[in-house]
Amino acid sequence: MIFITVKFLVKPEWTERFPELTADFTAATRAEPGNLWFDWSRSLENPNEFVLVEAFKDDAAAAHVQSEHFQQAMKDMVQALVETPKIINTVIDGEEWSRMGELTVE
């Protein structure tokens, strides 16, 4: 799978509206064939930082980047951002989350 994590530093005046700004993009991406997950989180240390964790089947990420909703989101989000987002993009084996080996909850 293609595993991607992106950090978005959002302008303070956009922080509370950022989830709404990205809602259509999120829904459209989750509906894409080959999308495994597309989950947003907010930093506990910096309330203006949002983290996107996403994964695609190996051949699906290119179609995602070329999609109309991706292109529109890039145009929509730029107004709300302090800087260019930071990204980690890598290919890993599997297509789902594994259980943590160091901690077992029974």
N, C-alpha and C. Protein backbone atom coordinates (compact mmCIF):
# COMPACT_ATOMS: atom_id res chain seq x y z
N MET A 1 0.83 -1.19 0.00
CA MET A 1 0.00 0.00 0.00
C MET A 1 0.87 1.24 0.00
N ILE A 2 0.31 2.32 -0.48
CA ILE A 2 0.96 3.62 -0.40
C ILE A 2 0.43 4.29 0.86
N PHE A 3 1.32 4.57 1.79
CA PHE A 3 0.97 5.13 3.10
C PHE A 3 1.48 6.56 3.14
N ILE A 4 0.59 7.50 3.46
CA ILE A 4 0.92 8.92 3.40
C ILE A 4 0.49 9.59 4.70
N THR A 5 1.37 10.41 5.23
CA THR A 5 1.04 11.26 6.38
C THR A 5 1.41 12.69 6.00
N VAL A 6 0.46 13.60 6.23
CA VAL A 6 0.69 15.00 5.87
C VAL A 6 0.34 15.88 7.07
N LYS A 7 1.23 16.83 7.37
CA LYS A 7 0.98 17.81 8.43
C LYS A 7 0.63 19.15 7.80
N PHE A 8 -0.50 19.70 8.21
CA PHE A 8 -0.98 20.98 7.72
C PHE A 8 -0.95 21.98 8.87
N LEU A 9 -0.18 23.06 8.73
CA LEU A 9 -0.17 24.14 9.70
C LEU A 9 -1.16 25.20 9.22
N VAL A 10 -2.23 25.37 9.99
CA VAL A 10 -3.36 26.20 9.59
C VAL A 10 -3.30 27.56 10.28
N LYS A 11 -3.66 28.60 9.56
CA LYS A 11 -3.74 29.95 10.14
C LYS A 11 -4.76 29.93 11.29
N PRO A 12 -4.45 30.60 12.40
CA PRO A 12 -5.36 30.58 13.56
C PRO A 12 -6.81 30.94 13.22
N GLU A 13 -6.99 31.87 12.30
CA GLU A 13 -8.36 32.27 11.95
C GLU A 13 -9.11 31.21 11.15
N TRP A 14 -8.41 30.20 10.68
CA TRP A 14 -9.03 29.10 9.92
C TRP A 14 -9.14 27.80 10.72
N THR A 15 -8.52 27.74 11.89
CA THR A 15 -8.43 26.49 12.63
C THR A 15 -9.79 25.85 12.89
N GLU A 16 -10.74 26.57 13.35
CA GLU A 16 -12.06 25.99 13.67
C GLU A 16 -12.86 25.65 12.41
N ARG A 17 -12.56 26.31 11.30
CA ARG A 17 -13.28 26.07 10.04
C ARG A 17 -12.58 25.06 9.13
N PHE A 18 -11.37 24.64 9.49
CA PHE A 18 -10.61 23.76 8.61
C PHE A 18 -11.32 22.42 8.36
N PRO A 19 -11.90 21.78 9.37
CA PRO A 19 -12.63 20.54 9.09
C PRO A 19 -13.77 20.72 8.07
N GLU A 20 -14.46 21.83 8.15
CA GLU A 20 -15.53 22.12 7.17
C GLU A 20 -14.94 22.37 5.78
N LEU A 21 -13.81 23.08 5.73
CA LEU A 21 -13.16 23.37 4.46
C LEU A 21 -12.74 22.09 3.74
N THR A 22 -12.36 21.07 4.49
CA THR A 22 -11.87 19.83 3.90
C THR A 22 -12.92 18.71 3.85
N ALA A 23 -14.13 18.98 4.28
CA ALA A 23 -15.17 17.94 4.38
C ALA A 23 -15.51 17.29 3.04
N ASP A 24 -15.74 18.07 2.00
CA ASP A 24 -16.08 17.51 0.69
C ASP A 24 -14.91 16.71 0.12
N PHE A 25 -13.71 17.23 0.27
CA PHE A 25 -12.50 16.54 -0.18
C PHE A 25 -12.37 15.19 0.54
N THR A 26 -12.59 15.21 1.83
CA THR A 26 -12.49 13.98 2.63
C THR A 26 -13.51 12.95 2.17
N ALA A 27 -14.75 13.35 2.03
CA ALA A 27 -15.81 12.43 1.61
C ALA A 27 -15.53 11.85 0.22
N ALA A 28 -15.12 12.71 -0.70
CA ALA A 28 -14.85 12.25 -2.07
C ALA A 28 -13.66 11.29 -2.10
N THR A 29 -12.64 11.57 -1.32
CA THR A 29 -11.48 10.69 -1.30
C THR A 29 -11.82 9.35 -0.69
N ARG A 30 -12.58 9.35 0.39
CA ARG A 30 -12.97 8.08 1.01
C ARG A 30 -13.80 7.22 0.08
N ALA A 31 -14.49 7.83 -0.87
CA ALA A 31 -15.32 7.09 -1.82
C ALA A 31 -14.52 6.58 -3.03
N GLU A 32 -13.27 6.98 -3.17
CA GLU A 32 -12.46 6.56 -4.30
C GLU A 32 -12.18 5.06 -4.27
N PRO A 33 -12.23 4.40 -5.43
CA PRO A 33 -11.77 3.01 -5.47
C PRO A 33 -10.29 2.98 -5.10
N GLY A 34 -9.93 2.07 -4.25
CA GLY A 34 -8.53 1.95 -3.86
C GLY A 34 -8.13 2.74 -2.64
N ASN A 35 -9.01 3.60 -2.13
CA ASN A 35 -8.70 4.29 -0.88
C ASN A 35 -8.92 3.33 0.28
N LEU A 36 -7.93 3.18 1.12
CA LEU A 36 -8.03 2.29 2.28
C LEU A 36 -8.47 3.05 3.52
N TRP A 37 -7.95 4.25 3.72
CA TRP A 37 -8.43 5.15 4.77
C TRP A 37 -7.92 6.55 4.51
N PHE A 38 -8.61 7.50 5.13
CA PHE A 38 -8.31 8.92 4.96
C PHE A 38 -8.79 9.59 6.24
N ASP A 39 -7.90 9.70 7.22
CA ASP A 39 -8.29 10.12 8.57
C ASP A 39 -7.53 11.36 9.03
N TRP A 40 -8.29 12.33 9.51
CA TRP A 40 -7.73 13.56 10.04
C TRP A 40 -7.62 13.48 11.55
N SER A 41 -6.55 14.11 12.08
CA SER A 41 -6.37 14.29 13.52
C SER A 41 -5.88 15.70 13.75
N ARG A 42 -5.98 16.12 15.01
CA ARG A 42 -5.50 17.44 15.38
C ARG A 42 -4.43 17.28 16.45
N SER A 43 -3.34 18.00 16.31
CA SER A 43 -2.24 17.91 17.27
C SER A 43 -2.68 18.33 18.66
N LEU A 44 -2.22 17.60 19.67
CA LEU A 44 -2.49 17.97 21.06
C LEU A 44 -1.58 19.11 21.50
N GLU A 45 -0.42 19.24 20.87
CA GLU A 45 0.54 20.29 21.23
C GLU A 45 0.27 21.61 20.52
N ASN A 46 -0.25 21.54 19.30
CA ASN A 46 -0.48 22.75 18.52
C ASN A 46 -1.88 22.66 17.89
N PRO A 47 -2.84 23.38 18.43
CA PRO A 47 -4.21 23.28 17.91
C PRO A 47 -4.37 23.75 16.47
N ASN A 48 -3.35 24.39 15.91
CA ASN A 48 -3.39 24.85 14.52
C ASN A 48 -2.78 23.84 13.55
N GLU A 49 -2.38 22.68 14.07
CA GLU A 49 -1.78 21.65 13.21
C GLU A 49 -2.73 20.47 13.06
N PHE A 50 -3.04 20.14 11.81
CA PHE A 50 -3.87 18.98 11.49
C PHE A 50 -2.99 17.96 10.80
N VAL A 51 -3.23 16.69 11.11
CA VAL A 51 -2.45 15.60 10.53
C VAL A 51 -3.39 14.68 9.77
N LEU A 52 -3.05 14.42 8.54
CA LEU A 52 -3.84 13.53 7.68
C LEU A 52 -3.06 12.23 7.51
N VAL A 53 -3.70 11.12 7.84
CA VAL A 53 -3.12 9.79 7.64
C VAL A 53 -3.99 9.11 6.59
N GLU A 54 -3.38 8.75 5.47
CA GLU A 54 -4.14 8.17 4.37
C GLU A 54 -3.39 7.00 3.77
N ALA A 55 -4.15 6.10 3.15
CA ALA A 55 -3.53 4.95 2.51
C ALA A 55 -4.35 4.56 1.28
N PHE A 56 -3.63 4.09 0.27
CA PHE A 56 -4.24 3.67 -0.99
C PHE A 56 -3.65 2.35 -1.42
N LYS A 57 -4.44 1.56 -2.11
CA LYS A 57 -3.87 0.39 -2.76
C LYS A 57 -2.81 0.89 -3.71
N ASP A 58 -1.81 0.08 -3.99
CA ASP A 58 -0.61 0.51 -4.72
C ASP A 58 -0.87 1.29 -6.00
N ASP A 59 -1.92 0.97 -6.72
CA ASP A 59 -2.15 1.63 -8.00
C ASP A 59 -3.18 2.76 -7.93
N ALA A 60 -3.62 3.14 -6.74
CA ALA A 60 -4.72 4.10 -6.63
C ALA A 60 -4.30 5.53 -6.31
N ALA A 61 -3.12 5.75 -5.80
CA ALA A 61 -2.74 7.10 -5.38
C ALA A 61 -2.60 8.06 -6.56
N ALA A 62 -2.14 7.60 -7.70
CA ALA A 62 -1.99 8.48 -8.86
C ALA A 62 -3.35 9.02 -9.30
N ALA A 63 -4.35 8.16 -9.34
CA ALA A 63 -5.70 8.61 -9.71
C ALA A 63 -6.23 9.62 -8.69
N HIS A 64 -5.91 9.42 -7.44
CA HIS A 64 -6.34 10.36 -6.38
C HIS A 64 -5.79 11.75 -6.65
N VAL A 65 -4.49 11.84 -6.91
CA VAL A 65 -3.84 13.14 -7.12
C VAL A 65 -4.36 13.82 -8.39
N GLN A 66 -4.79 13.04 -9.36
CA GLN A 66 -5.30 13.60 -10.61
C GLN A 66 -6.79 13.90 -10.57
N SER A 67 -7.46 13.52 -9.49
CA SER A 67 -8.91 13.70 -9.41
C SER A 67 -9.30 15.17 -9.31
N GLU A 68 -10.50 15.46 -9.75
CA GLU A 68 -11.01 16.83 -9.69
C GLU A 68 -11.11 17.31 -8.24
N HIS A 69 -11.58 16.44 -7.33
CA HIS A 69 -11.72 16.88 -5.93
C HIS A 69 -10.37 17.14 -5.27
N PHE A 70 -9.33 16.41 -5.66
CA PHE A 70 -7.99 16.69 -5.14
C PHE A 70 -7.52 18.06 -5.64
N GLN A 71 -7.64 18.28 -6.94
CA GLN A 71 -7.20 19.55 -7.52
C GLN A 71 -7.94 20.73 -6.90
N GLN A 72 -9.25 20.57 -6.67
CA GLN A 72 -10.04 21.64 -6.06
C GLN A 72 -9.62 21.87 -4.62
N ALA A 73 -9.36 20.79 -3.88
CA ALA A 73 -8.94 20.92 -2.49
C ALA A 73 -7.62 21.68 -2.36
N MET A 74 -6.71 21.43 -3.29
CA MET A 74 -5.43 22.14 -3.25
C MET A 74 -5.65 23.65 -3.43
N LYS A 75 -6.59 24.02 -4.27
CA LYS A 75 -6.91 25.43 -4.47
C LYS A 75 -7.61 26.01 -3.24
N ASP A 76 -8.53 25.24 -2.66
CA ASP A 76 -9.31 25.71 -1.51
C ASP A 76 -8.46 25.84 -0.24
N MET A 77 -7.57 24.89 -0.01
CA MET A 77 -6.82 24.85 1.25
C MET A 77 -5.73 25.90 1.35
N VAL A 78 -5.16 26.31 0.23
CA VAL A 78 -4.01 27.21 0.28
C VAL A 78 -4.31 28.48 1.08
N GLN A 79 -5.51 28.97 1.01
CA GLN A 79 -5.87 30.20 1.73
C GLN A 79 -5.83 30.03 3.24
N ALA A 80 -5.95 28.81 3.73
CA ALA A 80 -6.02 28.54 5.16
C ALA A 80 -4.69 28.12 5.76
N LEU A 81 -3.66 27.97 4.95
CA LEU A 81 -2.40 27.41 5.42
C LEU A 81 -1.32 28.46 5.66
N VAL A 82 -0.51 28.20 6.67
CA VAL A 82 0.62 29.06 7.00
C VAL A 82 1.80 28.77 6.07
N GLU A 83 1.98 27.49 5.73
CA GLU A 83 3.13 27.07 4.94
C GLU A 83 2.77 25.84 4.12
N THR A 84 3.66 25.46 3.24
CA THR A 84 3.48 24.24 2.46
C THR A 84 3.44 23.05 3.41
N PRO A 85 2.46 22.17 3.28
CA PRO A 85 2.37 21.01 4.17
C PRO A 85 3.61 20.12 4.08
N LYS A 86 3.88 19.42 5.18
CA LYS A 86 4.98 18.46 5.25
C LYS A 86 4.41 17.07 5.05
N ILE A 87 5.11 16.22 4.30
CA ILE A 87 4.56 14.92 3.92
C ILE A 87 5.60 13.81 4.05
N ILE A 88 5.10 12.65 4.44
CA ILE A 88 5.85 11.40 4.34
C ILE A 88 5.00 10.50 3.46
N ASN A 89 5.61 9.97 2.40
CA ASN A 89 4.91 9.14 1.43
C ASN A 89 5.79 7.91 1.19
N THR A 90 5.28 6.73 1.52
CA THR A 90 6.08 5.53 1.37
C THR A 90 5.20 4.34 0.98
N VAL A 91 5.82 3.32 0.47
CA VAL A 91 5.13 2.09 0.12
C VAL A 91 5.47 1.05 1.18
N ILE A 92 4.44 0.40 1.73
CA ILE A 92 4.65 -0.64 2.73
C ILE A 92 3.78 -1.84 2.39
N ASP A 93 4.16 -2.99 2.92
CA ASP A 93 3.38 -4.20 2.70
C ASP A 93 2.07 -4.15 3.47
N GLY A 94 1.06 -4.82 2.93
CA GLY A 94 -0.24 -4.91 3.60
C GLY A 94 -1.24 -3.91 3.10
N GLU A 95 -2.46 -4.06 3.59
CA GLU A 95 -3.54 -3.12 3.23
C GLU A 95 -4.44 -2.82 4.42
N GLU A 96 -3.93 -3.04 5.63
CA GLU A 96 -4.72 -2.73 6.81
C GLU A 96 -3.80 -2.49 7.99
N TRP A 97 -4.37 -1.95 9.07
CA TRP A 97 -3.62 -1.72 10.30
C TRP A 97 -3.31 -3.06 10.95
N SER A 98 -2.14 -3.17 11.55
CA SER A 98 -1.75 -4.33 12.33
C SER A 98 -1.98 -4.02 13.81
N ARG A 99 -2.07 -5.06 14.62
CA ARG A 99 -2.17 -4.89 16.07
C ARG A 99 -0.79 -4.55 16.63
N MET A 100 -0.76 -3.71 17.63
CA MET A 100 0.48 -3.32 18.30
C MET A 100 1.00 -4.51 19.10
N GLY A 101 2.26 -4.88 18.89
CA GLY A 101 2.84 -6.01 19.58
C GLY A 101 3.27 -5.73 21.01
N GLU A 102 3.54 -4.47 21.31
CA GLU A 102 4.06 -4.11 22.64
C GLU A 102 2.98 -3.92 23.70
N LEU A 103 1.72 -3.92 23.29
CA LEU A 103 0.61 -3.69 24.22
C LEU A 103 -0.58 -4.54 23.78
N THR A 104 -1.10 -5.32 24.71
CA THR A 104 -2.27 -6.16 24.41
C THR A 104 -3.39 -5.78 25.37
N VAL A 105 -4.54 -5.52 24.84
CA VAL A 105 -5.72 -5.22 25.66
C VAL A 105 -6.65 -6.42 25.56
N GLU A 106 -7.00 -6.98 26.72
CA GLU A 106 -7.88 -8.15 26.74
C GLU A 106 -9.18 -7.84 27.44
